[in-house]
Amino acid sequence: AAVIAEWLGSNRGLGYYMTLQQKQFAIDRVLAAVLVICLLSLLLVKLIDLLEYLMVPWNRKNSSQIWEN
């Protein structure tokens, strides 16, 4: 959602960078930005999983491993 908001009205950030590169037909840079967004999203999801694992110990029996989800 934050990337979409950047596409619509920002003058900095990954969304803005993607839009700028798309207008210049730099597809390799657009795909690189998409890859960065995907990696950051995955990192944030795993960070939240780790925080849940650490902060909710009584729920550990329901999730066998953090990294298997």
PDB file of N, CA and C in Angstrom:
ATOM      1  N   ALA A   1       0.824  -1.194   0.000  1.00  0.00           N
ATOM      2  CA  ALA A   1       0.000   0.000   0.000  1.00  0.00           C
ATOM      3  C   ALA A   1       0.866   1.256   0.000  1.00  0.00           C
ATOM      4  N   ALA A   2       1.984   1.213   0.700  1.00  0.00           N
ATOM      5  CA  ALA A   2       2.857   2.387   0.750  1.00  0.00           C
ATOM      6  C   ALA A   2       3.479   2.653  -0.614  1.00  0.00           C
ATOM      7  N   VAL A   3       3.793   1.598  -1.348  1.00  0.00           N
ATOM      8  CA  VAL A   3       4.379   1.782  -2.675  1.00  0.00           C
ATOM      9  C   VAL A   3       3.361   2.405  -3.617  1.00  0.00           C
ATOM     10  N   ILE A   4       2.115   1.974  -3.526  1.00  0.00           N
ATOM     11  CA  ILE A   4       1.060   2.547  -4.369  1.00  0.00           C
ATOM     12  C   ILE A   4       0.850   4.014  -4.031  1.00  0.00           C
ATOM     13  N   ALA A   5       0.899   4.361  -2.769  1.00  0.00           N
ATOM     14  CA  ALA A   5       0.775   5.764  -2.378  1.00  0.00           C
ATOM     15  C   ALA A   5       1.932   6.584  -2.941  1.00  0.00           C
ATOM     16  N   GLU A   6       3.116   6.007  -2.987  1.00  0.00           N
ATOM     17  CA  GLU A   6       4.260   6.709  -3.572  1.00  0.00           C
ATOM     18  C   GLU A   6       4.072   6.906  -5.068  1.00  0.00           C
ATOM     19  N   TRP A   7       3.463   5.927  -5.736  1.00  0.00           N
ATOM     20  CA  TRP A   7       3.223   6.072  -7.169  1.00  0.00           C
ATOM     21  C   TRP A   7       2.309   7.258  -7.440  1.00  0.00           C
ATOM     22  N   LEU A   8       1.354   7.472  -6.551  1.00  0.00           N
ATOM     23  CA  LEU A   8       0.332   8.487  -6.806  1.00  0.00           C
ATOM     24  C   LEU A   8       0.763   9.902  -6.474  1.00  0.00           C
ATOM     25  N   GLY A   9       1.568  10.102  -5.460  1.00  0.00           N
ATOM     26  CA  GLY A   9       1.805  11.483  -5.097  1.00  0.00           C
ATOM     27  C   GLY A   9       3.098  11.807  -4.389  1.00  0.00           C
ATOM     28  N   SER A  10       4.126  11.045  -4.612  1.00  0.00           N
ATOM     29  CA  SER A  10       5.370  11.330  -3.914  1.00  0.00           C
ATOM     30  C   SER A  10       6.450  11.737  -4.910  1.00  0.00           C
ATOM     31  N   ASN A  11       7.483  12.336  -4.391  1.00  0.00           N
ATOM     32  CA  ASN A  11       8.615  12.670  -5.251  1.00  0.00           C
ATOM     33  C   ASN A  11       9.894  11.980  -4.773  1.00  0.00           C
ATOM     34  N   ARG A  12       9.735  10.902  -4.006  1.00  0.00           N
ATOM     35  CA  ARG A  12      10.870  10.086  -3.584  1.00  0.00           C
ATOM     36  C   ARG A  12      10.356   8.720  -3.142  1.00  0.00           C
ATOM     37  N   GLY A  13      11.261   7.779  -3.021  1.00  0.00           N
ATOM     38  CA  GLY A  13      10.906   6.430  -2.601  1.00  0.00           C
ATOM     39  C   GLY A  13      10.935   5.448  -3.764  1.00  0.00           C
ATOM     40  N   LEU A  14      10.723   4.175  -3.443  1.00  0.00           N
ATOM     41  CA  LEU A  14      10.791   3.133  -4.467  1.00  0.00           C
ATOM     42  C   LEU A  14       9.668   3.241  -5.494  1.00  0.00           C
ATOM     43  N   GLY A  15       8.482   3.607  -5.046  1.00  0.00           N
ATOM     44  CA  GLY A  15       7.369   3.770  -5.987  1.00  0.00           C
ATOM     45  C   GLY A  15       7.634   4.873  -6.991  1.00  0.00           C
ATOM     46  N   TYR A  16       8.135   5.977  -6.511  1.00  0.00           N
ATOM     47  CA  TYR A  16       8.483   7.095  -7.394  1.00  0.00           C
ATOM     48  C   TYR A  16       9.609   6.687  -8.339  1.00  0.00           C
ATOM     49  N   TYR A  17      10.607   6.002  -7.803  1.00  0.00           N
ATOM     50  CA  TYR A  17      11.727   5.538  -8.624  1.00  0.00           C
ATOM     51  C   TYR A  17      11.239   4.613  -9.737  1.00  0.00           C
ATOM     52  N   MET A  18      10.327   3.703  -9.401  1.00  0.00           N
ATOM     53  CA  MET A  18       9.791   2.793 -10.408  1.00  0.00           C
ATOM     54  C   MET A  18       9.058   3.555 -11.498  1.00  0.00           C
ATOM     55  N   THR A  19       8.241   4.530 -11.111  1.00  0.00           N
ATOM     56  CA  THR A  19       7.496   5.317 -12.089  1.00  0.00           C
ATOM     57  C   THR A  19       8.441   6.099 -12.993  1.00  0.00           C
ATOM     58  N   LEU A  20       9.453   6.698 -12.404  1.00  0.00           N
ATOM     59  CA  LEU A  20      10.429   7.466 -13.177  1.00  0.00           C
ATOM     60  C   LEU A  20      11.164   6.575 -14.175  1.00  0.00           C
ATOM     61  N   GLN A  21      11.603   5.420 -13.726  1.00  0.00           N
ATOM     62  CA  GLN A  21      12.330   4.506 -14.609  1.00  0.00           C
ATOM     63  C   GLN A  21      11.416   3.925 -15.684  1.00  0.00           C
ATOM     64  N   GLN A  22      10.151   3.713 -15.350  1.00  0.00           N
ATOM     65  CA  GLN A  22       9.199   3.201 -16.329  1.00  0.00           C
ATOM     66  C   GLN A  22       9.000   4.217 -17.448  1.00  0.00           C
ATOM     67  N   LYS A  23       8.923   5.485 -17.100  1.00  0.00           N
ATOM     68  CA  LYS A  23       8.759   6.532 -18.117  1.00  0.00           C
ATOM     69  C   LYS A  23       9.978   6.629 -19.024  1.00  0.00           C
ATOM     70  N   GLN A  24      11.135   6.230 -18.512  1.00  0.00           N
ATOM     71  CA  GLN A  24      12.366   6.253 -19.307  1.00  0.00           C
ATOM     72  C   GLN A  24      12.634   4.904 -19.985  1.00  0.00           C
ATOM     73  N   PHE A  25      11.679   3.985 -19.894  1.00  0.00           N
ATOM     74  CA  PHE A  25      11.768   2.651 -20.486  1.00  0.00           C
ATOM     75  C   PHE A  25      12.983   1.870 -19.991  1.00  0.00           C
ATOM     76  N   ALA A  26      13.354   2.079 -18.747  1.00  0.00           N
ATOM     77  CA  ALA A  26      14.460   1.338 -18.129  1.00  0.00           C
ATOM     78  C   ALA A  26      13.870   0.141 -17.379  1.00  0.00           C
ATOM     79  N   ILE A  27      13.468  -0.848 -18.152  1.00  0.00           N
ATOM     80  CA  ILE A  27      12.768  -2.004 -17.591  1.00  0.00           C
ATOM     81  C   ILE A  27      13.644  -2.761 -16.601  1.00  0.00           C
ATOM     82  N   ASP A  28      14.946  -2.826 -16.847  1.00  0.00           N
ATOM     83  CA  ASP A  28      15.831  -3.527 -15.918  1.00  0.00           C
ATOM     84  C   ASP A  28      15.812  -2.872 -14.541  1.00  0.00           C
ATOM     85  N   ARG A  29      15.749  -1.557 -14.495  1.00  0.00           N
ATOM     86  CA  ARG A  29      15.707  -0.857 -13.207  1.00  0.00           C
ATOM     87  C   ARG A  29      14.344  -0.986 -12.540  1.00  0.00           C
ATOM     88  N   VAL A  30      13.290  -1.052 -13.342  1.00  0.00           N
ATOM     89  CA  VAL A  30      11.957  -1.273 -12.777  1.00  0.00           C
ATOM     90  C   VAL A  30      11.902  -2.649 -12.124  1.00  0.00           C
ATOM     91  N   LEU A  31      12.414  -3.652 -12.815  1.00  0.00           N
ATOM     92  CA  LEU A  31      12.416  -5.006 -12.256  1.00  0.00           C
ATOM     93  C   LEU A  31      13.307  -5.102 -11.027  1.00  0.00           C
ATOM     94  N   ALA A  32      14.405  -4.370 -11.016  1.00  0.00           N
ATOM     95  CA  ALA A  32      15.263  -4.347  -9.829  1.00  0.00           C
ATOM     96  C   ALA A  32      14.521  -3.733  -8.645  1.00  0.00           C
ATOM     97  N   ALA A  33      13.758  -2.676  -8.888  1.00  0.00           N
ATOM     98  CA  ALA A  33      12.974  -2.060  -7.815  1.00  0.00           C
ATOM     99  C   ALA A  33      11.889  -3.012  -7.321  1.00  0.00           C
ATOM    100  N   VAL A  34      11.260  -3.742  -8.233  1.00  0.00           N
ATOM    101  CA  VAL A  34      10.256  -4.739  -7.839  1.00  0.00           C
ATOM    102  C   VAL A  34      10.905  -5.820  -6.981  1.00  0.00           C
ATOM    103  N   LEU A  35      12.094  -6.251  -7.362  1.00  0.00           N
ATOM    104  CA  LEU A  35      12.813  -7.258  -6.580  1.00  0.00           C
ATOM    105  C   LEU A  35      13.134  -6.740  -5.181  1.00  0.00           C
ATOM    106  N   VAL A  36      13.567  -5.493  -5.080  1.00  0.00           N
ATOM    107  CA  VAL A  36      13.859  -4.899  -3.770  1.00  0.00           C
ATOM    108  C   VAL A  36      12.595  -4.840  -2.923  1.00  0.00           C
ATOM    109  N   ILE A  37      11.477  -4.449  -3.522  1.00  0.00           N
ATOM    110  CA  ILE A  37      10.209  -4.390  -2.784  1.00  0.00           C
ATOM    111  C   ILE A  37       9.810  -5.780  -2.301  1.00  0.00           C
ATOM    112  N   CYS A  38       9.965  -6.782  -3.148  1.00  0.00           N
ATOM    113  CA  CYS A  38       9.630  -8.158  -2.748  1.00  0.00           C
ATOM    114  C   CYS A  38      10.515  -8.629  -1.599  1.00  0.00           C
ATOM    115  N   LEU A  39      11.803  -8.364  -1.693  1.00  0.00           N
ATOM    116  CA  LEU A  39      12.719  -8.786  -0.631  1.00  0.00           C
ATOM    117  C   LEU A  39      12.433  -8.062   0.679  1.00  0.00           C
ATOM    118  N   LEU A  40      12.156  -6.770   0.608  1.00  0.00           N
ATOM    119  CA  LEU A  40      11.811  -6.027   1.822  1.00  0.00           C
ATOM    120  C   LEU A  40      10.513  -6.542   2.437  1.00  0.00           C
ATOM    121  N   SER A  41       9.541  -6.861   1.590  1.00  0.00           N
ATOM    122  CA  SER A  41       8.274  -7.395   2.098  1.00  0.00           C
ATOM    123  C   SER A  41       8.483  -8.736   2.785  1.00  0.00           C
ATOM    124  N   LEU A  42       9.260  -9.607   2.165  1.00  0.00           N
ATOM    125  CA  LEU A  42       9.554 -10.909   2.763  1.00  0.00           C
ATOM    126  C   LEU A  42      10.292 -10.750   4.081  1.00  0.00           C
ATOM    127  N   LEU A  43      11.254  -9.849   4.117  1.00  0.00           N
ATOM    128  CA  LEU A  43      12.002  -9.592   5.345  1.00  0.00           C
ATOM    129  C   LEU A  43      11.086  -9.094   6.460  1.00  0.00           C
ATOM    130  N   LEU A  44      10.175  -8.199   6.136  1.00  0.00           N
ATOM    131  CA  LEU A  44       9.255  -7.683   7.151  1.00  0.00           C
ATOM    132  C   LEU A  44       8.303  -8.761   7.664  1.00  0.00           C
ATOM    133  N   VAL A  45       7.821  -9.618   6.773  1.00  0.00           N
ATOM    134  CA  VAL A  45       6.930 -10.704   7.203  1.00  0.00           C
ATOM    135  C   VAL A  45       7.668 -11.649   8.144  1.00  0.00           C
ATOM    136  N   LYS A  46       8.900 -12.004   7.806  1.00  0.00           N
ATOM    137  CA  LYS A  46       9.668 -12.908   8.664  1.00  0.00           C
ATOM    138  C   LYS A  46      10.036 -12.244   9.987  1.00  0.00           C
ATOM    139  N   LEU A  47      10.280 -10.947   9.964  1.00  0.00           N
ATOM    140  CA  LEU A  47      10.548 -10.219  11.204  1.00  0.00           C
ATOM    141  C   LEU A  47       9.324 -10.241  12.117  1.00  0.00           C
ATOM    142  N   ILE A  48       8.154 -10.068  11.545  1.00  0.00           N
ATOM    143  CA  ILE A  48       6.921 -10.132  12.337  1.00  0.00           C
ATOM    144  C   ILE A  48       6.714 -11.544  12.872  1.00  0.00           C
ATOM    145  N   ASP A  49       7.012 -12.564  12.061  1.00  0.00           N
ATOM    146  CA  ASP A  49       6.921 -13.951  12.542  1.00  0.00           C
ATOM    147  C   ASP A  49       7.859 -14.186  13.726  1.00  0.00           C
ATOM    148  N   LEU A  50       9.070 -13.676  13.629  1.00  0.00           N
ATOM    149  CA  LEU A  50      10.035 -13.830  14.715  1.00  0.00           C
ATOM    150  C   LEU A  50       9.562 -13.108  15.971  1.00  0.00           C
ATOM    151  N   LEU A  51       9.067 -11.890  15.813  1.00  0.00           N
ATOM    152  CA  LEU A  51       8.555 -11.150  16.970  1.00  0.00           C
ATOM    153  C   LEU A  51       7.377 -11.868  17.613  1.00  0.00           C
ATOM    154  N   GLU A  52       6.492 -12.428  16.797  1.00  0.00           N
ATOM    155  CA  GLU A  52       5.372 -13.192  17.345  1.00  0.00           C
ATOM    156  C   GLU A  52       5.884 -14.412  18.109  1.00  0.00           C
ATOM    157  N   TYR A  53       6.867 -15.092  17.551  1.00  0.00           N
ATOM    158  CA  TYR A  53       7.439 -16.269  18.204  1.00  0.00           C
ATOM    159  C   TYR A  53       8.043 -15.910  19.558  1.00  0.00           C
ATOM    160  N   LEU A  54       8.707 -14.765  19.626  1.00  0.00           N
ATOM    161  CA  LEU A  54       9.356 -14.351  20.867  1.00  0.00           C
ATOM    162  C   LEU A  54       8.380 -13.768  21.879  1.00  0.00           C
ATOM    163  N   MET A  55       7.367 -13.073  21.412  1.00  0.00           N
ATOM    164  CA  MET A  55       6.478 -12.355  22.329  1.00  0.00           C
ATOM    165  C   MET A  55       5.244 -13.149  22.732  1.00  0.00           C
ATOM    166  N   VAL A  56       4.943 -14.239  22.016  1.00  0.00           N
ATOM    167  CA  VAL A  56       3.771 -15.056  22.332  1.00  0.00           C
ATOM    168  C   VAL A  56       4.230 -16.505  22.509  1.00  0.00           C
ATOM    169  N   PRO A  57       4.947 -16.781  23.602  1.00  0.00           N
ATOM    170  CA  PRO A  57       5.522 -18.123  23.763  1.00  0.00           C
ATOM    171  C   PRO A  57       4.476 -19.227  23.916  1.00  0.00           C
ATOM    172  N   TRP A  58       3.298 -18.908  24.402  1.00  0.00           N
ATOM    173  CA  TRP A  58       2.274 -19.938  24.586  1.00  0.00           C
ATOM    174  C   TRP A  58       1.699 -20.408  23.249  1.00  0.00           C
ATOM    175  N   ASN A  59       1.998 -19.734  22.176  1.00  0.00           N
ATOM    176  CA  ASN A  59       1.500 -20.127  20.861  1.00  0.00           C
ATOM    177  C   ASN A  59       2.540 -20.921  20.070  1.00  0.00           C
ATOM    178  N   ARG A  60       3.671 -21.213  20.660  1.00  0.00           N
ATOM    179  CA  ARG A  60       4.749 -21.899  19.947  1.00  0.00           C
ATOM    180  C   ARG A  60       4.383 -23.320  19.543  1.00  0.00           C
ATOM    181  N   LYS A  61       3.552 -23.980  20.309  1.00  0.00           N
ATOM    182  CA  LYS A  61       3.192 -25.351  19.959  1.00  0.00           C
ATOM    183  C   LYS A  61       2.363 -25.404  18.681  1.00  0.00           C
ATOM    184  N   ASN A  62       1.712 -24.290  18.327  1.00  0.00           N
ATOM    185  CA  ASN A  62       0.906 -24.250  17.108  1.00  0.00           C
ATOM    186  C   ASN A  62       1.739 -23.983  15.862  1.00  0.00           C
ATOM    187  N   SER A  63       2.896 -23.379  16.050  1.00  0.00           N
ATOM    188  CA  SER A  63       3.788 -23.148  14.909  1.00  0.00           C
ATOM    189  C   SER A  63       5.119 -23.820  15.213  1.00  0.00           C
ATOM    190  N   SER A  64       5.447 -24.858  14.443  1.00  0.00           N
ATOM    191  CA  SER A  64       6.624 -25.664  14.751  1.00  0.00           C
ATOM    192  C   SER A  64       7.922 -24.904  14.525  1.00  0.00           C
ATOM    193  N   GLN A  65       8.009 -24.181  13.457  1.00  0.00           N
ATOM    194  CA  GLN A  65       9.223 -23.426  13.151  1.00  0.00           C
ATOM    195  C   GLN A  65       8.828 -22.053  12.626  1.00  0.00           C
ATOM    196  N   ILE A  66       9.678 -21.088  12.858  1.00  0.00           N
ATOM    197  CA  ILE A  66       9.414 -19.738  12.360  1.00  0.00           C
ATOM    198  C   ILE A  66       9.526 -19.699  10.846  1.00  0.00           C
ATOM    199  N   TRP A  67      10.521 -20.363  10.303  1.00  0.00           N
ATOM    200  CA  TRP A  67      10.861 -20.188   8.895  1.00  0.00           C
ATOM    201  C   TRP A  67      10.112 -21.136   7.970  1.00  0.00           C
ATOM    202  N   GLU A  68       9.252 -21.981   8.491  1.00  0.00           N
ATOM    203  CA  GLU A  68       8.523 -22.919   7.640  1.00  0.00           C
ATOM    204  C   GLU A  68       7.205 -22.362   7.134  1.00  0.00           C
ATOM    205  N   ASN A  69       6.768 -21.223   7.626  1.00  0.00           N
ATOM    206  CA  ASN A  69       5.453 -20.680   7.224  1.00  0.00           C
ATOM    207  C   ASN A  69       5.449 -20.239   5.807  1.00  0.00           C
TER     208      ASN A  69
END
